[in-house]
Amino acid sequence: MKESLPRIVPPGLPPARHTASRLPVGDPRSPAPHRASGRPDAGPSARFIGWNIIRTARFSPRNQEGREMATTKKFQDLLLAELSDVYSAETQIAEALPKLAQKVSASELRRLLEEHLQETKGQIARLDKAFAALGAKPEAKTCKAMQGLVAEADELLSAGLAPEVLDAALIAAAQKVEHYEIASYGSLKAYADACGLDAVADLMDETLREEKATDEKLTAVATSTLNASAVQASVG
């Protein structure tokens, strides 16, 4: 016969604590069941308390306020960057318009460009007001899109076009500029509205309406007389 070896039990602990298999099912001395994760089940009460802590930390008004403020700050940064971009664009337009107005042959188009030059100066003043309302200044940056549009218009002046054809081409160049400005001021107005900056939104809306009106005037001049004159000058 084999001799049975004695069970080795750590000192100070009763054997029953280490013989769970010998305890009947449901015995209060049985160890707590383990989850599949290997962690003991904390029980429904502990889980409820833990969820309340997580919910309070995640959805407390203080936390929401902080998150909203961070989002608004980043969005205002975008607003300031776009304001600086259009500020550069308007400055370039103000410098280019006098030269373009001198080169056109149609008096109606020249008058329209000169009027828009005065509007552009007023639009720059509006941008200054917008920056002041935000407690900021324009960034030292160059609007590359406007730089390209102005360069294209300059190229037309040396393209050897007949005066009537040049007028038609310059209207198209001016409308490219207007469409860029319409897109810019439309976005700026939407950004300001989203940030709750009513005064800035109103300034952008005023300029947006001017840009749209100028675009319509250019279309009217082109379709009423100048395009037909360009075609007639090109015949023969």
C-alpha atoms as a PDB file:
ATOM      1  CA  MET A   1       0.000   0.000   0.000  1.00  0.00           C
ATOM      2  CA  LYS A   2       1.015   3.536  -0.712  1.00  0.00           C
ATOM      3  CA  GLU A   3       1.404   5.847   2.190  1.00  0.00           C
ATOM      4  CA  SER A   4      -0.649   9.054   1.893  1.00  0.00           C
ATOM      5  CA  LEU A   5       1.471  12.171   2.153  1.00  0.00           C
ATOM      6  CA  PRO A   6       0.431  14.835   4.675  1.00  0.00           C
ATOM      7  CA  ARG A   7      -1.146  18.076   3.287  1.00  0.00           C
ATOM      8  CA  ILE A   8       1.097  21.100   3.639  1.00  0.00           C
ATOM      9  CA  VAL A   9      -0.840  24.037   5.063  1.00  0.00           C
ATOM     10  CA  PRO A  10       0.740  27.492   5.599  1.00  0.00           C
ATOM     11  CA  PRO A  11       1.060  28.253   9.275  1.00  0.00           C
ATOM     12  CA  GLY A  12      -1.728  30.310  10.839  1.00  0.00           C
ATOM     13  CA  LEU A  13      -4.392  29.400   8.237  1.00  0.00           C
ATOM     14  CA  PRO A  14      -7.017  26.742   8.827  1.00  0.00           C
ATOM     15  CA  PRO A  15      -7.058  23.971   6.228  1.00  0.00           C
ATOM     16  CA  ALA A  16     -10.686  24.767   5.266  1.00  0.00           C
ATOM     17  CA  ARG A  17      -9.602  28.024   3.561  1.00  0.00           C
ATOM     18  CA  HIS A  18      -7.483  26.044   1.097  1.00  0.00           C
ATOM     19  CA  THR A  19      -9.881  23.238   0.444  1.00  0.00           C
ATOM     20  CA  ALA A  20     -12.638  25.015  -1.421  1.00  0.00           C
ATOM     21  CA  SER A  21     -13.390  21.871  -3.376  1.00  0.00           C
ATOM     22  CA  ARG A  22     -14.434  20.149  -0.169  1.00  0.00           C
ATOM     23  CA  LEU A  23     -16.980  22.863   0.730  1.00  0.00           C
ATOM     24  CA  PRO A  24     -20.575  22.351  -0.327  1.00  0.00           C
ATOM     25  CA  VAL A  25     -22.035  24.548  -3.071  1.00  0.00           C
ATOM     26  CA  GLY A  26     -23.339  27.791  -1.627  1.00  0.00           C
ATOM     27  CA  ASP A  27     -21.267  27.577   1.530  1.00  0.00           C
ATOM     28  CA  PRO A  28     -20.551  31.190   2.699  1.00  0.00           C
ATOM     29  CA  ARG A  29     -16.907  30.258   3.164  1.00  0.00           C
ATOM     30  CA  SER A  30     -16.556  29.573  -0.576  1.00  0.00           C
ATOM     31  CA  PRO A  31     -14.367  32.173  -2.382  1.00  0.00           C
ATOM     32  CA  ALA A  32     -16.177  34.715  -4.555  1.00  0.00           C
ATOM     33  CA  PRO A  33     -16.570  33.616  -8.184  1.00  0.00           C
ATOM     34  CA  HIS A  34     -14.246  35.205 -10.722  1.00  0.00           C
ATOM     35  CA  ARG A  35     -15.185  36.857 -13.991  1.00  0.00           C
ATOM     36  CA  ALA A  36     -13.693  35.765 -17.269  1.00  0.00           C
ATOM     37  CA  SER A  37     -11.390  38.757 -17.011  1.00  0.00           C
ATOM     38  CA  GLY A  38      -9.841  37.297 -13.867  1.00  0.00           C
ATOM     39  CA  ARG A  39     -11.103  40.151 -11.693  1.00  0.00           C
ATOM     40  CA  PRO A  40     -13.491  39.478  -8.802  1.00  0.00           C
ATOM     41  CA  ASP A  41     -17.054  40.628  -9.393  1.00  0.00           C
ATOM     42  CA  ALA A  42     -17.528  43.824  -7.406  1.00  0.00           C
ATOM     43  CA  GLY A  43     -21.244  43.247  -7.166  1.00  0.00           C
ATOM     44  CA  PRO A  44     -24.153  45.394  -8.425  1.00  0.00           C
ATOM     45  CA  SER A  45     -23.884  48.039  -5.712  1.00  0.00           C
ATOM     46  CA  ALA A  46     -20.208  48.684  -6.338  1.00  0.00           C
ATOM     47  CA  ARG A  47     -20.748  48.790 -10.109  1.00  0.00           C
ATOM     48  CA  PHE A  48     -23.572  51.336  -9.708  1.00  0.00           C
ATOM     49  CA  ILE A  49     -21.398  53.600  -7.542  1.00  0.00           C
ATOM     50  CA  GLY A  50     -18.527  53.335 -10.036  1.00  0.00           C
ATOM     51  CA  TRP A  51     -20.776  54.316 -12.968  1.00  0.00           C
ATOM     52  CA  ASN A  52     -22.056  57.327 -11.055  1.00  0.00           C
ATOM     53  CA  ILE A  53     -18.474  58.502 -10.544  1.00  0.00           C
ATOM     54  CA  ILE A  54     -17.649  58.086 -14.246  1.00  0.00           C
ATOM     55  CA  ARG A  55     -20.894  59.755 -15.324  1.00  0.00           C
ATOM     56  CA  THR A  56     -20.325  62.721 -13.034  1.00  0.00           C
ATOM     57  CA  ALA A  57     -16.765  63.247 -14.260  1.00  0.00           C
ATOM     58  CA  ARG A  58     -17.713  62.933 -17.897  1.00  0.00           C
ATOM     59  CA  PHE A  59     -20.946  64.883 -18.022  1.00  0.00           C
ATOM     60  CA  SER A  60     -20.673  67.443 -15.241  1.00  0.00           C
ATOM     61  CA  PRO A  61     -21.529  71.035 -16.296  1.00  0.00           C
ATOM     62  CA  ARG A  62     -18.045  72.140 -15.340  1.00  0.00           C
ATOM     63  CA  ASN A  63     -16.490  69.588 -17.679  1.00  0.00           C
ATOM     64  CA  GLN A  64     -18.907  70.450 -20.477  1.00  0.00           C
ATOM     65  CA  GLU A  65     -18.133  74.135 -20.091  1.00  0.00           C
ATOM     66  CA  GLY A  66     -14.419  73.468 -20.350  1.00  0.00           C
ATOM     67  CA  ARG A  67     -14.872  71.355 -23.445  1.00  0.00           C
ATOM     68  CA  GLU A  68     -17.089  73.931 -25.150  1.00  0.00           C
ATOM     69  CA  MET A  69     -14.683  76.755 -24.320  1.00  0.00           C
ATOM     70  CA  ALA A  70     -11.785  74.831 -25.835  1.00  0.00           C
ATOM     71  CA  THR A  71     -13.782  74.205 -29.021  1.00  0.00           C
ATOM     72  CA  THR A  72     -14.805  77.861 -29.285  1.00  0.00           C
ATOM     73  CA  LYS A  73     -11.233  79.012 -28.812  1.00  0.00           C
ATOM     74  CA  LYS A  74      -9.983  76.810 -31.648  1.00  0.00           C
ATOM     75  CA  PHE A  75     -12.814  77.964 -33.908  1.00  0.00           C
ATOM     76  CA  GLN A  76     -12.027  81.601 -33.145  1.00  0.00           C
ATOM     77  CA  ASP A  77      -8.428  80.864 -34.107  1.00  0.00           C
ATOM     78  CA  LEU A  78      -9.723  79.737 -37.503  1.00  0.00           C
ATOM     79  CA  LEU A  79     -11.838  82.885 -37.721  1.00  0.00           C
ATOM     80  CA  LEU A  80      -8.798  85.076 -37.006  1.00  0.00           C
ATOM     81  CA  ALA A  81      -6.696  83.251 -39.594  1.00  0.00           C
ATOM     82  CA  GLU A  82      -9.373  83.720 -42.268  1.00  0.00           C
ATOM     83  CA  LEU A  83      -9.793  87.372 -41.322  1.00  0.00           C
ATOM     84  CA  SER A  84      -6.049  87.862 -41.773  1.00  0.00           C
ATOM     85  CA  ASP A  85      -6.200  86.127 -45.146  1.00  0.00           C
ATOM     86  CA  VAL A  86      -8.988  88.333 -46.470  1.00  0.00           C
ATOM     87  CA  TYR A  87      -7.301  91.411 -44.978  1.00  0.00           C
ATOM     88  CA  SER A  88      -4.275  90.622 -47.146  1.00  0.00           C
ATOM     89  CA  ALA A  89      -6.562  90.008 -50.119  1.00  0.00           C
ATOM     90  CA  GLU A  90      -8.323  93.371 -49.744  1.00  0.00           C
ATOM     91  CA  THR A  91      -5.007  95.175 -49.394  1.00  0.00           C
ATOM     92  CA  GLN A  92      -3.778  93.634 -52.633  1.00  0.00           C
ATOM     93  CA  ILE A  93      -7.016  94.568 -54.396  1.00  0.00           C
ATOM     94  CA  ALA A  94      -6.751  98.175 -53.211  1.00  0.00           C
ATOM     95  CA  GLU A  95      -3.260  98.344 -54.705  1.00  0.00           C
ATOM     96  CA  ALA A  96      -4.235  96.712 -58.015  1.00  0.00           C
ATOM     97  CA  LEU A  97      -7.517  98.481 -58.840  1.00  0.00           C
ATOM     98  CA  PRO A  98      -6.109 101.927 -59.751  1.00  0.00           C
ATOM     99  CA  LYS A  99      -3.774 100.364 -62.326  1.00  0.00           C
ATOM    100  CA  LEU A 100      -6.557  98.261 -63.829  1.00  0.00           C
ATOM    101  CA  ALA A 101      -8.951 101.206 -63.963  1.00  0.00           C
ATOM    102  CA  GLN A 102      -6.424 103.216 -65.972  1.00  0.00           C
ATOM    103  CA  LYS A 103      -6.098 100.471 -68.575  1.00  0.00           C
ATOM    104  CA  VAL A 104      -9.776  99.935 -69.415  1.00  0.00           C
ATOM    105  CA  SER A 105     -11.286 101.748 -72.377  1.00  0.00           C
ATOM    106  CA  ALA A 106     -14.993 101.635 -71.463  1.00  0.00           C
ATOM    107  CA  SER A 107     -15.939 104.550 -69.220  1.00  0.00           C
ATOM    108  CA  GLU A 108     -18.717 102.536 -67.553  1.00  0.00           C
ATOM    109  CA  LEU A 109     -16.258  99.820 -66.505  1.00  0.00           C
ATOM    110  CA  ARG A 110     -13.711 102.395 -65.316  1.00  0.00           C
ATOM    111  CA  ARG A 111     -16.343 104.054 -63.141  1.00  0.00           C
ATOM    112  CA  LEU A 112     -17.365 100.714 -61.698  1.00  0.00           C
ATOM    113  CA  LEU A 113     -13.759  99.801 -60.790  1.00  0.00           C
ATOM    114  CA  GLU A 114     -13.182 103.204 -59.203  1.00  0.00           C
ATOM    115  CA  GLU A 115     -16.359 102.839 -57.136  1.00  0.00           C
ATOM    116  CA  HIS A 116     -15.261  99.430 -55.987  1.00  0.00           C
ATOM    117  CA  LEU A 117     -11.890 100.834 -54.954  1.00  0.00           C
ATOM    118  CA  GLN A 118     -13.702 103.118 -52.501  1.00  0.00           C
ATOM    119  CA  GLU A 119     -15.784 100.165 -51.311  1.00  0.00           C
ATOM    120  CA  THR A 120     -12.621  98.137 -50.801  1.00  0.00           C
ATOM    121  CA  LYS A 121     -11.178 100.839 -48.545  1.00  0.00           C
ATOM    122  CA  GLY A 122     -14.374 100.732 -46.511  1.00  0.00           C
ATOM    123  CA  GLN A 123     -14.154  96.938 -46.334  1.00  0.00           C
ATOM    124  CA  ILE A 124     -10.626  97.153 -44.965  1.00  0.00           C
ATOM    125  CA  ALA A 125     -11.910  99.562 -42.320  1.00  0.00           C
ATOM    126  CA  ARG A 126     -14.605  97.017 -41.437  1.00  0.00           C
ATOM    127  CA  LEU A 127     -11.977  94.328 -41.038  1.00  0.00           C
ATOM    128  CA  ASP A 128     -10.099  96.629 -38.668  1.00  0.00           C
ATOM    129  CA  LYS A 129     -13.289  96.913 -36.611  1.00  0.00           C
ATOM    130  CA  ALA A 130     -13.684  93.140 -36.587  1.00  0.00           C
ATOM    131  CA  PHE A 131     -10.137  92.665 -35.314  1.00  0.00           C
ATOM    132  CA  ALA A 132     -10.689  95.326 -32.663  1.00  0.00           C
ATOM    133  CA  ALA A 133     -13.867  93.558 -31.518  1.00  0.00           C
ATOM    134  CA  LEU A 134     -11.851  90.363 -31.127  1.00  0.00           C
ATOM    135  CA  GLY A 135      -8.963  92.116 -29.386  1.00  0.00           C
ATOM    136  CA  ALA A 136      -6.555  91.003 -32.107  1.00  0.00           C
ATOM    137  CA  LYS A 137      -4.516  92.293 -35.039  1.00  0.00           C
ATOM    138  CA  PRO A 138      -4.092  90.941 -38.577  1.00  0.00           C
ATOM    139  CA  GLU A 139      -1.380  88.335 -38.957  1.00  0.00           C
ATOM    140  CA  ALA A 140       1.558  89.213 -41.199  1.00  0.00           C
ATOM    141  CA  LYS A 141       0.582  86.867 -44.017  1.00  0.00           C
ATOM    142  CA  THR A 142       0.013  87.064 -47.763  1.00  0.00           C
ATOM    143  CA  CYS A 143      -3.135  85.733 -49.378  1.00  0.00           C
ATOM    144  CA  LYS A 144      -1.609  83.550 -52.090  1.00  0.00           C
ATOM    145  CA  ALA A 145      -4.934  83.034 -53.837  1.00  0.00           C
ATOM    146  CA  MET A 146      -5.408  86.768 -54.341  1.00  0.00           C
ATOM    147  CA  GLN A 147      -1.762  87.114 -55.287  1.00  0.00           C
ATOM    148  CA  GLY A 148      -2.387  84.664 -58.115  1.00  0.00           C
ATOM    149  CA  LEU A 149      -5.582  86.380 -59.263  1.00  0.00           C
ATOM    150  CA  VAL A 150      -3.898  89.786 -59.350  1.00  0.00           C
ATOM    151  CA  ALA A 151      -0.951  88.312 -61.276  1.00  0.00           C
ATOM    152  CA  GLU A 152      -3.351  86.880 -63.867  1.00  0.00           C
ATOM    153  CA  ALA A 153      -4.977  90.288 -64.307  1.00  0.00           C
ATOM    154  CA  ASP A 154      -1.538  91.877 -64.763  1.00  0.00           C
ATOM    155  CA  GLU A 155      -0.722  89.349 -67.468  1.00  0.00           C
ATOM    156  CA  LEU A 156      -3.797  90.450 -69.413  1.00  0.00           C
ATOM    157  CA  LEU A 157      -2.456  94.002 -69.582  1.00  0.00           C
ATOM    158  CA  SER A 158       0.571  92.819 -71.564  1.00  0.00           C
ATOM    159  CA  ALA A 159      -1.194  90.179 -73.668  1.00  0.00           C
ATOM    160  CA  GLY A 160      -1.636  92.478 -76.691  1.00  0.00           C
ATOM    161  CA  LEU A 161      -5.434  92.344 -76.595  1.00  0.00           C
ATOM    162  CA  ALA A 162      -7.597  94.827 -78.459  1.00  0.00           C
ATOM    163  CA  PRO A 163      -9.040  97.473 -76.065  1.00  0.00           C
ATOM    164  CA  GLU A 164     -12.575  96.065 -76.249  1.00  0.00           C
ATOM    165  CA  VAL A 165     -11.322  92.510 -75.718  1.00  0.00           C
ATOM    166  CA  LEU A 166      -9.156  93.644 -72.819  1.00  0.00           C
ATOM    167  CA  ASP A 167     -12.209  95.207 -71.169  1.00  0.00           C
ATOM    168  CA  ALA A 168     -14.089  91.908 -71.426  1.00  0.00           C
ATOM    169  CA  ALA A 169     -11.091  90.001 -70.081  1.00  0.00           C
ATOM    170  CA  LEU A 170     -10.671  92.378 -67.148  1.00  0.00           C
ATOM    171  CA  ILE A 171     -14.327  91.974 -66.207  1.00  0.00           C
ATOM    172  CA  ALA A 172     -13.753  88.211 -65.998  1.00  0.00           C
ATOM    173  CA  ALA A 173     -10.617  88.802 -63.920  1.00  0.00           C
ATOM    174  CA  ALA A 174     -12.513  91.145 -61.603  1.00  0.00           C
ATOM    175  CA  GLN A 175     -15.314  88.619 -61.169  1.00  0.00           C
ATOM    176  CA  LYS A 176     -12.819  85.912 -60.209  1.00  0.00           C
ATOM    177  CA  VAL A 177     -11.719  88.268 -57.453  1.00  0.00           C
ATOM    178  CA  GLU A 178     -15.317  88.944 -56.415  1.00  0.00           C
ATOM    179  CA  HIS A 179     -16.155  85.244 -56.260  1.00  0.00           C
ATOM    180  CA  TYR A 180     -13.169  84.612 -54.014  1.00  0.00           C
ATOM    181  CA  GLU A 181     -14.279  87.438 -51.741  1.00  0.00           C
ATOM    182  CA  ILE A 182     -17.879  86.220 -51.698  1.00  0.00           C
ATOM    183  CA  ALA A 183     -16.719  82.773 -50.607  1.00  0.00           C
ATOM    184  CA  SER A 184     -14.407  84.278 -47.977  1.00  0.00           C
ATOM    185  CA  TYR A 185     -16.920  86.672 -46.434  1.00  0.00           C
ATOM    186  CA  GLY A 186     -19.683  84.074 -46.545  1.00  0.00           C
ATOM    187  CA  SER A 187     -17.494  81.704 -44.540  1.00  0.00           C
ATOM    188  CA  LEU A 188     -16.427  84.445 -42.138  1.00  0.00           C
ATOM    189  CA  LYS A 189     -20.039  85.395 -41.459  1.00  0.00           C
ATOM    190  CA  ALA A 190     -20.903  81.755 -40.774  1.00  0.00           C
ATOM    191  CA  TYR A 191     -17.900  81.371 -38.455  1.00  0.00           C
ATOM    192  CA  ALA A 192     -18.809  84.513 -36.523  1.00  0.00           C
ATOM    193  CA  ASP A 193     -22.430  83.375 -36.210  1.00  0.00           C
ATOM    194  CA  ALA A 194     -21.304  79.994 -34.888  1.00  0.00           C
ATOM    195  CA  CYS A 195     -19.110  81.681 -32.257  1.00  0.00           C
ATOM    196  CA  GLY A 196     -21.914  84.009 -31.184  1.00  0.00           C
ATOM    197  CA  LEU A 197     -19.986  87.085 -32.396  1.00  0.00           C
ATOM    198  CA  ASP A 198     -22.945  89.082 -33.664  1.00  0.00           C
ATOM    199  CA  ALA A 199     -21.057  92.341 -34.229  1.00  0.00           C
ATOM    200  CA  VAL A 200     -18.410  90.615 -36.336  1.00  0.00           C
ATOM    201  CA  ALA A 201     -21.071  88.665 -38.251  1.00  0.00           C
ATOM    202  CA  ASP A 202     -22.874  91.923 -39.092  1.00  0.00           C
ATOM    203  CA  LEU A 203     -19.643  93.485 -40.397  1.00  0.00           C
ATOM    204  CA  MET A 204     -18.963  90.462 -42.602  1.00  0.00           C
ATOM    205  CA  ASP A 205     -22.527  90.423 -43.866  1.00  0.00           C
ATOM    206  CA  GLU A 206     -22.343  94.081 -44.899  1.00  0.00           C
ATOM    207  CA  THR A 207     -19.219  93.440 -46.958  1.00  0.00           C
ATOM    208  CA  LEU A 208     -20.674  90.217 -48.378  1.00  0.00           C
ATOM    209  CA  ARG A 209     -23.672  92.129 -49.715  1.00  0.00           C
ATOM    210  CA  GLU A 210     -21.371  94.700 -51.328  1.00  0.00           C
ATOM    211  CA  GLU A 211     -19.300  92.000 -53.028  1.00  0.00           C
ATOM    212  CA  LYS A 212     -22.397  90.289 -54.405  1.00  0.00           C
ATOM    213  CA  ALA A 213     -23.727  93.602 -55.708  1.00  0.00           C
ATOM    214  CA  THR A 214     -20.410  94.381 -57.424  1.00  0.00           C
ATOM    215  CA  ASP A 215     -20.408  90.949 -59.075  1.00  0.00           C
ATOM    216  CA  GLU A 216     -23.912  91.558 -60.404  1.00  0.00           C
ATOM    217  CA  LYS A 217     -22.920  94.973 -61.748  1.00  0.00           C
ATOM    218  CA  LEU A 218     -19.928  93.480 -63.560  1.00  0.00           C
ATOM    219  CA  THR A 219     -22.157  90.841 -65.124  1.00  0.00           C
ATOM    220  CA  ALA A 220     -24.631  93.503 -66.252  1.00  0.00           C
ATOM    221  CA  VAL A 221     -21.891  95.614 -67.877  1.00  0.00           C
ATOM    222  CA  ALA A 222     -20.395  92.597 -69.633  1.00  0.00           C
ATOM    223  CA  THR A 223     -23.643  91.209 -70.996  1.00  0.00           C
ATOM    224  CA  SER A 224     -25.214  94.542 -71.940  1.00  0.00           C
ATOM    225  CA  THR A 225     -22.433  96.062 -74.047  1.00  0.00           C
ATOM    226  CA  LEU A 226     -18.838  95.023 -73.477  1.00  0.00           C
ATOM    227  CA  ASN A 227     -18.946  91.415 -74.641  1.00  0.00           C
ATOM    228  CA  ALA A 228     -20.726  92.443 -77.824  1.00  0.00           C
ATOM    229  CA  SER A 229     -18.161  95.189 -78.398  1.00  0.00           C
ATOM    230  CA  ALA A 230     -15.355  92.676 -77.924  1.00  0.00           C
ATOM    231  CA  VAL A 231     -16.899  90.358 -80.501  1.00  0.00           C
ATOM    232  CA  GLN A 232     -17.399  93.216 -82.977  1.00  0.00           C
ATOM    233  CA  ALA A 233     -13.791  94.360 -82.522  1.00  0.00           C
ATOM    234  CA  SER A 234     -12.602  90.826 -83.260  1.00  0.00           C
ATOM    235  CA  VAL A 235     -14.545  90.430 -86.529  1.00  0.00           C
ATOM    236  CA  GLY A 236     -12.508  90.823 -89.703  1.00  0.00           C
END
